[in-house]
Amino acid sequence: MGIRQVKLGIYTFRLPCLRKMKMILDKSQVMLHNIKVQLKETKVSQPPHPPQLPLLDLPPEDLALVQELVLQSGSLKGLAEVYSVSYPTIRARLDKVIERLRGLIAGRKPDPLREYLAELIDRGGISVESARRVLDLSERAGSAPDNGGMS
């Protein structure tokens, strides 16, 4: 007598091939006569670590924008209407969110000073040239040895 494997859902049965075995699989019924069935439970394993979702590390206002974009079925025009801004303004804002997300995916931490200066530029509070000078000074100050505040 040979052994036959029969798969039902997540279970696999190893059954001897008998002449009197009737199986109705399309209606999810199995009728077996004179057969011993030994079930082995198979557990579906979860990945050892949940997947990292850098999207969740975005600031709340960026997450709200992404959420609204999804609710608007990806329509930037609809998103611009919800936020009561022009299409170019919402496009620029979304580009910044995308850039932040790419940085998080690449493992770069956000630079609060750069983001603040970019926000000031957008609002007209500072010129691009002045923002670059601030960044340059900040980088030089960060790389200079600490001398206790003395020059």
N, C-alpha and C. Protein backbone atom coordinates (compact mmCIF):
# COMPACT_ATOMS: atom_id res chain seq x y z
N MET A 1 0.84 -1.17 0.00
CA MET A 1 0.00 0.00 0.00
C MET A 1 0.89 1.24 0.00
N GLY A 2 0.65 2.20 -0.93
CA GLY A 2 1.44 3.42 -1.00
C GLY A 2 0.88 4.52 -0.11
N ILE A 3 1.67 5.54 0.08
CA ILE A 3 1.26 6.71 0.88
C ILE A 3 0.97 7.85 -0.08
N ARG A 4 -0.11 8.56 0.18
CA ARG A 4 -0.52 9.67 -0.67
C ARG A 4 -0.68 10.92 0.20
N GLN A 5 -0.20 12.06 -0.29
CA GLN A 5 -0.37 13.31 0.45
C GLN A 5 -1.56 14.06 -0.13
N VAL A 6 -2.44 14.50 0.78
CA VAL A 6 -3.60 15.28 0.38
C VAL A 6 -3.54 16.58 1.16
N LYS A 7 -3.64 17.70 0.44
CA LYS A 7 -3.55 19.01 1.08
C LYS A 7 -4.95 19.61 1.16
N LEU A 8 -5.35 20.02 2.37
CA LEU A 8 -6.62 20.69 2.60
C LEU A 8 -6.33 21.97 3.37
N GLY A 9 -6.43 23.11 2.71
CA GLY A 9 -6.14 24.37 3.38
C GLY A 9 -4.69 24.39 3.80
N ILE A 10 -4.46 24.62 5.10
CA ILE A 10 -3.09 24.66 5.60
C ILE A 10 -2.62 23.29 6.08
N TYR A 11 -3.50 22.27 6.01
CA TYR A 11 -3.14 20.95 6.50
C TYR A 11 -2.76 20.03 5.35
N THR A 12 -1.77 19.21 5.61
CA THR A 12 -1.38 18.19 4.66
C THR A 12 -1.57 16.84 5.33
N PHE A 13 -2.32 15.97 4.68
CA PHE A 13 -2.58 14.65 5.23
C PHE A 13 -1.73 13.64 4.47
N ARG A 14 -1.15 12.72 5.22
CA ARG A 14 -0.45 11.60 4.59
C ARG A 14 -1.34 10.40 4.76
N LEU A 15 -1.87 9.92 3.67
CA LEU A 15 -2.88 8.87 3.73
C LEU A 15 -2.43 7.67 2.92
N PRO A 16 -2.74 6.49 3.45
CA PRO A 16 -2.48 5.31 2.62
C PRO A 16 -3.49 5.29 1.47
N CYS A 17 -3.06 4.84 0.31
CA CYS A 17 -3.96 4.77 -0.84
C CYS A 17 -4.86 3.54 -0.67
N LEU A 18 -6.10 3.78 -0.43
CA LEU A 18 -7.07 2.71 -0.28
C LEU A 18 -8.07 2.78 -1.42
N ARG A 19 -8.71 1.67 -1.67
CA ARG A 19 -9.69 1.65 -2.74
C ARG A 19 -10.95 2.43 -2.36
N LYS A 20 -11.34 2.36 -1.09
CA LYS A 20 -12.60 2.99 -0.69
C LYS A 20 -12.34 4.32 0.00
N MET A 21 -11.94 5.30 -0.75
CA MET A 21 -11.72 6.62 -0.18
C MET A 21 -12.44 7.61 -1.09
N LYS A 22 -13.33 8.39 -0.49
CA LYS A 22 -14.08 9.37 -1.27
C LYS A 22 -13.76 10.75 -0.71
N MET A 23 -13.39 11.66 -1.59
CA MET A 23 -13.07 13.00 -1.16
C MET A 23 -13.85 13.98 -2.02
N ILE A 24 -14.55 14.87 -1.37
CA ILE A 24 -15.25 15.94 -2.07
C ILE A 24 -14.60 17.23 -1.62
N LEU A 25 -13.68 17.74 -2.41
CA LEU A 25 -12.91 18.91 -2.02
C LEU A 25 -13.61 20.21 -2.38
N ASP A 26 -14.41 20.21 -3.44
CA ASP A 26 -15.00 21.46 -3.86
C ASP A 26 -16.04 21.98 -2.87
N LYS A 27 -16.60 21.14 -2.04
CA LYS A 27 -17.56 21.58 -1.02
C LYS A 27 -16.94 21.53 0.37
N SER A 28 -15.64 21.43 0.44
CA SER A 28 -14.87 21.39 1.68
C SER A 28 -15.30 20.26 2.60
N GLN A 29 -15.70 19.13 2.02
CA GLN A 29 -16.03 17.96 2.82
C GLN A 29 -15.09 16.83 2.43
N VAL A 30 -14.67 16.11 3.41
CA VAL A 30 -13.81 14.96 3.15
C VAL A 30 -14.41 13.78 3.88
N MET A 31 -14.68 12.75 3.15
CA MET A 31 -15.23 11.54 3.77
C MET A 31 -14.23 10.42 3.54
N LEU A 32 -13.68 9.93 4.60
CA LEU A 32 -12.68 8.88 4.52
C LEU A 32 -13.19 7.66 5.27
N HIS A 33 -12.99 6.52 4.71
CA HIS A 33 -13.42 5.29 5.36
C HIS A 33 -12.22 4.41 5.65
N ASN A 34 -12.16 3.88 6.85
CA ASN A 34 -11.12 2.96 7.26
C ASN A 34 -9.71 3.55 7.14
N ILE A 35 -9.57 4.81 7.49
CA ILE A 35 -8.27 5.46 7.40
C ILE A 35 -7.99 6.15 8.71
N LYS A 36 -6.76 6.02 9.17
CA LYS A 36 -6.31 6.79 10.33
C LYS A 36 -5.65 8.05 9.81
N VAL A 37 -6.03 9.17 10.37
CA VAL A 37 -5.47 10.45 9.95
C VAL A 37 -4.74 11.06 11.12
N GLN A 38 -3.53 11.44 10.89
CA GLN A 38 -2.75 12.09 11.92
C GLN A 38 -2.51 13.52 11.47
N LEU A 39 -3.05 14.47 12.24
CA LEU A 39 -2.91 15.88 11.90
C LEU A 39 -1.69 16.46 12.57
N LYS A 40 -0.97 17.24 11.83
CA LYS A 40 0.15 17.97 12.39
C LYS A 40 -0.16 19.44 12.19
N GLU A 41 -0.26 20.18 13.30
CA GLU A 41 -0.61 21.59 13.21
C GLU A 41 0.58 22.38 12.68
N THR A 42 0.30 23.21 11.71
CA THR A 42 1.32 24.06 11.14
C THR A 42 1.04 25.49 11.57
N LYS A 43 2.01 26.10 12.19
CA LYS A 43 1.85 27.49 12.61
C LYS A 43 2.49 28.39 11.59
N VAL A 44 1.80 29.46 11.29
CA VAL A 44 2.35 30.47 10.38
C VAL A 44 3.19 31.40 11.24
N SER A 45 4.46 31.48 10.91
CA SER A 45 5.34 32.28 11.74
C SER A 45 5.34 33.73 11.28
N GLN A 46 5.46 34.62 12.24
CA GLN A 46 5.57 36.05 11.96
C GLN A 46 7.05 36.37 11.77
N PRO A 47 7.34 37.43 11.03
CA PRO A 47 8.75 37.81 10.92
C PRO A 47 9.31 38.13 12.30
N PRO A 48 10.60 37.87 12.53
CA PRO A 48 11.17 38.08 13.87
C PRO A 48 11.04 39.52 14.35
N HIS A 49 11.11 40.46 13.45
CA HIS A 49 10.98 41.87 13.81
C HIS A 49 9.94 42.49 12.90
N PRO A 50 9.04 43.29 13.46
CA PRO A 50 8.07 43.94 12.57
C PRO A 50 8.80 44.85 11.59
N PRO A 51 8.25 45.00 10.39
CA PRO A 51 8.94 45.84 9.41
C PRO A 51 9.02 47.29 9.90
N GLN A 52 10.13 47.92 9.59
CA GLN A 52 10.31 49.31 9.96
C GLN A 52 9.51 50.17 8.98
N LEU A 53 8.78 51.11 9.51
CA LEU A 53 7.99 52.01 8.67
C LEU A 53 8.45 53.44 8.91
N PRO A 54 9.44 53.89 8.16
CA PRO A 54 9.94 55.26 8.35
C PRO A 54 8.85 56.31 8.19
N LEU A 55 7.81 55.99 7.45
CA LEU A 55 6.70 56.92 7.27
C LEU A 55 6.15 57.37 8.62
N LEU A 56 6.13 56.46 9.58
CA LEU A 56 5.59 56.78 10.90
C LEU A 56 6.50 57.70 11.70
N ASP A 57 7.73 57.89 11.24
CA ASP A 57 8.66 58.80 11.92
C ASP A 57 8.55 60.24 11.42
N LEU A 58 7.70 60.46 10.43
CA LEU A 58 7.49 61.82 9.94
C LEU A 58 6.76 62.64 11.00
N PRO A 59 6.94 63.96 10.99
CA PRO A 59 6.22 64.81 11.94
C PRO A 59 4.70 64.70 11.72
N PRO A 60 3.91 64.96 12.76
CA PRO A 60 2.45 64.83 12.65
C PRO A 60 1.84 65.62 11.49
N GLU A 61 2.36 66.82 11.22
CA GLU A 61 1.78 67.61 10.13
C GLU A 61 2.05 66.98 8.77
N ASP A 62 3.19 66.28 8.63
CA ASP A 62 3.48 65.57 7.38
C ASP A 62 2.58 64.34 7.24
N LEU A 63 2.37 63.63 8.34
CA LEU A 63 1.48 62.47 8.31
C LEU A 63 0.06 62.89 7.95
N ALA A 64 -0.37 64.04 8.48
CA ALA A 64 -1.72 64.54 8.17
C ALA A 64 -1.83 64.84 6.67
N LEU A 65 -0.77 65.41 6.09
CA LEU A 65 -0.77 65.72 4.66
C LEU A 65 -0.85 64.43 3.84
N VAL A 66 -0.06 63.42 4.22
CA VAL A 66 -0.08 62.14 3.51
C VAL A 66 -1.45 61.50 3.63
N GLN A 67 -2.02 61.54 4.82
CA GLN A 67 -3.35 60.97 5.04
C GLN A 67 -4.39 61.65 4.15
N GLU A 68 -4.35 62.96 4.10
CA GLU A 68 -5.31 63.70 3.28
C GLU A 68 -5.08 63.41 1.80
N LEU A 69 -3.83 63.25 1.40
CA LEU A 69 -3.52 62.91 0.01
C LEU A 69 -4.16 61.57 -0.36
N VAL A 70 -4.08 60.61 0.54
CA VAL A 70 -4.69 59.30 0.29
C VAL A 70 -6.21 59.45 0.22
N LEU A 71 -6.79 60.23 1.14
CA LEU A 71 -8.24 60.43 1.13
C LEU A 71 -8.71 61.17 -0.12
N GLN A 72 -7.83 61.96 -0.71
CA GLN A 72 -8.15 62.67 -1.95
C GLN A 72 -7.80 61.82 -3.18
N SER A 73 -7.56 60.54 -2.96
CA SER A 73 -7.22 59.59 -4.03
C SER A 73 -6.00 60.03 -4.83
N GLY A 74 -5.07 60.67 -4.14
CA GLY A 74 -3.82 61.07 -4.80
C GLY A 74 -3.93 62.36 -5.60
N SER A 75 -5.06 63.02 -5.52
CA SER A 75 -5.26 64.24 -6.30
C SER A 75 -4.62 65.43 -5.60
N LEU A 76 -3.59 66.00 -6.22
CA LEU A 76 -2.96 67.19 -5.66
C LEU A 76 -3.89 68.40 -5.75
N LYS A 77 -4.71 68.41 -6.78
CA LYS A 77 -5.68 69.50 -6.92
C LYS A 77 -6.66 69.46 -5.73
N GLY A 78 -7.16 68.27 -5.42
CA GLY A 78 -8.06 68.13 -4.27
C GLY A 78 -7.36 68.46 -2.96
N LEU A 79 -6.11 68.06 -2.85
CA LEU A 79 -5.34 68.35 -1.65
C LEU A 79 -5.13 69.86 -1.49
N ALA A 80 -4.84 70.53 -2.59
CA ALA A 80 -4.65 71.98 -2.56
C ALA A 80 -5.94 72.67 -2.11
N GLU A 81 -7.08 72.15 -2.57
CA GLU A 81 -8.37 72.73 -2.17
C GLU A 81 -8.62 72.55 -0.68
N VAL A 82 -8.31 71.37 -0.16
CA VAL A 82 -8.51 71.10 1.27
C VAL A 82 -7.67 72.05 2.11
N TYR A 83 -6.42 72.29 1.69
CA TYR A 83 -5.51 73.15 2.45
C TYR A 83 -5.65 74.63 2.06
N SER A 84 -6.54 74.91 1.12
CA SER A 84 -6.78 76.29 0.66
C SER A 84 -5.50 76.98 0.20
N VAL A 85 -4.71 76.26 -0.59
CA VAL A 85 -3.48 76.81 -1.16
C VAL A 85 -3.45 76.49 -2.65
N SER A 86 -2.50 77.07 -3.35
CA SER A 86 -2.38 76.81 -4.78
C SER A 86 -1.73 75.44 -5.03
N TYR A 87 -1.92 74.96 -6.26
CA TYR A 87 -1.29 73.69 -6.65
C TYR A 87 0.22 73.73 -6.47
N PRO A 88 0.92 74.79 -6.95
CA PRO A 88 2.38 74.81 -6.77
C PRO A 88 2.80 74.78 -5.30
N THR A 89 2.01 75.42 -4.43
CA THR A 89 2.34 75.42 -3.00
C THR A 89 2.23 74.02 -2.42
N ILE A 90 1.14 73.31 -2.75
CA ILE A 90 0.96 71.96 -2.20
C ILE A 90 1.97 71.01 -2.82
N ARG A 91 2.33 71.22 -4.09
CA ARG A 91 3.35 70.39 -4.74
C ARG A 91 4.70 70.55 -4.03
N ALA A 92 5.06 71.80 -3.72
CA ALA A 92 6.32 72.07 -3.03
C ALA A 92 6.31 71.43 -1.63
N ARG A 93 5.17 71.54 -0.95
CA ARG A 93 5.07 70.96 0.40
C ARG A 93 5.20 69.44 0.33
N LEU A 94 4.54 68.83 -0.64
CA LEU A 94 4.62 67.38 -0.79
C LEU A 94 6.04 66.95 -1.16
N ASP A 95 6.72 67.74 -1.99
CA ASP A 95 8.11 67.42 -2.34
C ASP A 95 9.00 67.41 -1.09
N LYS A 96 8.74 68.32 -0.16
CA LYS A 96 9.52 68.35 1.09
C LYS A 96 9.24 67.11 1.94
N VAL A 97 7.98 66.70 1.98
CA VAL A 97 7.62 65.49 2.73
C VAL A 97 8.31 64.28 2.11
N ILE A 98 8.30 64.22 0.78
CA ILE A 98 8.96 63.10 0.08
C ILE A 98 10.45 63.10 0.38
N GLU A 99 11.07 64.26 0.38
CA GLU A 99 12.51 64.36 0.67
C GLU A 99 12.80 63.92 2.11
N ARG A 100 11.94 64.34 3.05
CA ARG A 100 12.13 63.90 4.45
C ARG A 100 12.01 62.39 4.55
N LEU A 101 11.02 61.83 3.87
CA LEU A 101 10.81 60.39 3.92
C LEU A 101 11.99 59.65 3.30
N ARG A 102 12.49 60.13 2.20
CA ARG A 102 13.68 59.50 1.58
C ARG A 102 14.87 59.54 2.53
N GLY A 103 15.02 60.66 3.23
CA GLY A 103 16.10 60.77 4.20
C GLY A 103 15.94 59.76 5.34
N LEU A 104 14.70 59.59 5.82
CA LEU A 104 14.47 58.62 6.89
C LEU A 104 14.74 57.20 6.41
N ILE A 105 14.31 56.90 5.21
CA ILE A 105 14.54 55.56 4.65
C ILE A 105 16.04 55.31 4.51
N ALA A 106 16.80 56.33 4.13
CA ALA A 106 18.25 56.20 3.97
C ALA A 106 18.98 56.22 5.31
N GLY A 107 18.23 56.47 6.39
CA GLY A 107 18.84 56.46 7.72
C GLY A 107 19.38 57.80 8.17
N ARG A 108 19.09 58.86 7.40
CA ARG A 108 19.53 60.18 7.80
C ARG A 108 18.53 60.77 8.79
N LYS A 109 19.07 61.38 9.82
CA LYS A 109 18.21 62.04 10.79
C LYS A 109 17.86 63.43 10.27
N PRO A 110 16.64 63.89 10.57
CA PRO A 110 16.26 65.23 10.11
C PRO A 110 17.15 66.29 10.75
N ASP A 111 17.43 67.35 9.99
CA ASP A 111 18.21 68.48 10.48
C ASP A 111 17.23 69.61 10.78
N PRO A 112 16.92 69.82 12.07
CA PRO A 112 15.91 70.83 12.42
C PRO A 112 16.27 72.23 11.94
N LEU A 113 17.55 72.59 11.95
CA LEU A 113 17.93 73.92 11.51
C LEU A 113 17.65 74.09 10.01
N ARG A 114 18.04 73.11 9.21
CA ARG A 114 17.77 73.19 7.77
C ARG A 114 16.27 73.29 7.49
N GLU A 115 15.49 72.48 8.20
CA GLU A 115 14.05 72.50 7.99
C GLU A 115 13.44 73.83 8.41
N TYR A 116 13.93 74.39 9.51
CA TYR A 116 13.42 75.68 9.97
C TYR A 116 13.77 76.78 8.97
N LEU A 117 15.00 76.77 8.48
CA LEU A 117 15.41 77.78 7.50
C LEU A 117 14.61 77.64 6.20
N ALA A 118 14.34 76.40 5.78
CA ALA A 118 13.54 76.19 4.57
C ALA A 118 12.12 76.75 4.76
N GLU A 119 11.60 76.54 5.95
CA GLU A 119 10.26 77.07 6.27
C GLU A 119 10.28 78.61 6.23
N LEU A 120 11.32 79.19 6.79
CA LEU A 120 11.44 80.66 6.77
C LEU A 120 11.55 81.19 5.34
N ILE A 121 12.30 80.49 4.51
CA ILE A 121 12.43 80.90 3.11
C ILE A 121 11.06 80.86 2.43
N ASP A 122 10.32 79.78 2.67
CA ASP A 122 8.99 79.64 2.07
C ASP A 122 8.06 80.77 2.47
N ARG A 123 8.16 81.20 3.71
CA ARG A 123 7.28 82.27 4.21
C ARG A 123 7.82 83.66 3.89
N GLY A 124 9.00 83.72 3.29
CA GLY A 124 9.58 85.01 2.95
C GLY A 124 10.25 85.69 4.13
N GLY A 125 10.52 84.95 5.19
CA GLY A 125 11.13 85.51 6.39
C GLY A 125 12.63 85.65 6.30
N ILE A 126 13.23 85.00 5.31
CA ILE A 126 14.68 85.05 5.15
C ILE A 126 15.00 84.75 3.69
N SER A 127 16.08 85.31 3.21
CA SER A 127 16.47 85.04 1.82
C SER A 127 17.26 83.73 1.77
N VAL A 128 17.34 83.17 0.58
CA VAL A 128 18.10 81.94 0.38
C VAL A 128 19.57 82.17 0.74
N GLU A 129 20.09 83.31 0.33
CA GLU A 129 21.49 83.63 0.61
C GLU A 129 21.74 83.71 2.12
N SER A 130 20.85 84.36 2.85
CA SER A 130 21.02 84.46 4.31
C SER A 130 20.92 83.08 4.97
N ALA A 131 20.01 82.25 4.49
CA ALA A 131 19.87 80.90 5.04
C ALA A 131 21.15 80.10 4.82
N ARG A 132 21.75 80.24 3.65
CA ARG A 132 23.01 79.53 3.37
C ARG A 132 24.12 80.01 4.30
N ARG A 133 24.15 81.30 4.57
CA ARG A 133 25.17 81.84 5.48
C ARG A 133 24.98 81.29 6.89
N VAL A 134 23.72 81.21 7.32
CA VAL A 134 23.43 80.66 8.66
C VAL A 134 23.90 79.21 8.73
N LEU A 135 23.58 78.42 7.70
CA LEU A 135 24.01 77.02 7.67
C LEU A 135 25.53 76.90 7.67
N ASP A 136 26.18 77.75 6.88
CA ASP A 136 27.63 77.73 6.82
C ASP A 136 28.24 78.03 8.19
N LEU A 137 27.72 79.06 8.85
CA LEU A 137 28.21 79.41 10.19
C LEU A 137 27.95 78.29 11.19
N SER A 138 26.79 77.68 11.07
CA SER A 138 26.43 76.59 11.98
C SER A 138 27.37 75.39 11.79
N GLU A 139 27.67 75.09 10.53
CA GLU A 139 28.57 73.96 10.26
C GLU A 139 29.98 74.25 10.75
N ARG A 140 30.44 75.47 10.56
CA ARG A 140 31.77 75.83 11.06
C ARG A 140 31.81 75.79 12.58
N ALA A 141 30.77 76.27 13.22
CA ALA A 141 30.73 76.26 14.69
C ALA A 141 30.67 74.83 15.21
N GLY A 142 29.98 73.96 14.48
CA GLY A 142 29.88 72.55 14.90
C GLY A 142 31.16 71.79 14.74
N SER A 143 32.00 72.19 13.79
CA SER A 143 33.25 71.47 13.56
C SER A 143 34.42 72.10 14.32
N ALA A 144 34.21 73.30 14.86
CA ALA A 144 35.29 73.96 15.59
C ALA A 144 35.45 73.33 16.98
N PRO A 145 36.69 73.24 17.48
CA PRO A 145 36.89 72.69 18.81
C PRO A 145 36.22 73.60 19.85
N ASP A 146 35.69 72.96 20.88
CA ASP A 146 35.04 73.71 21.95
C ASP A 146 36.10 74.36 22.83
N ASN A 147 36.02 75.68 22.92
CA ASN A 147 37.01 76.37 23.76
C ASN A 147 36.31 77.08 24.93
N GLY A 148 35.15 76.50 25.31
CA GLY A 148 34.49 77.04 26.49
C GLY A 148 33.86 78.40 26.26
N GLY A 149 33.52 78.70 25.00
CA GLY A 149 32.89 79.97 24.70
C GLY A 149 33.89 81.08 24.46
N MET A 150 35.17 80.81 24.57
CA MET A 150 36.21 81.83 24.36
C MET A 150 36.64 81.81 22.90
N SER A 151 36.97 82.97 22.37
CA SER A 151 37.45 83.04 20.98
C SER A 151 38.95 83.12 20.98
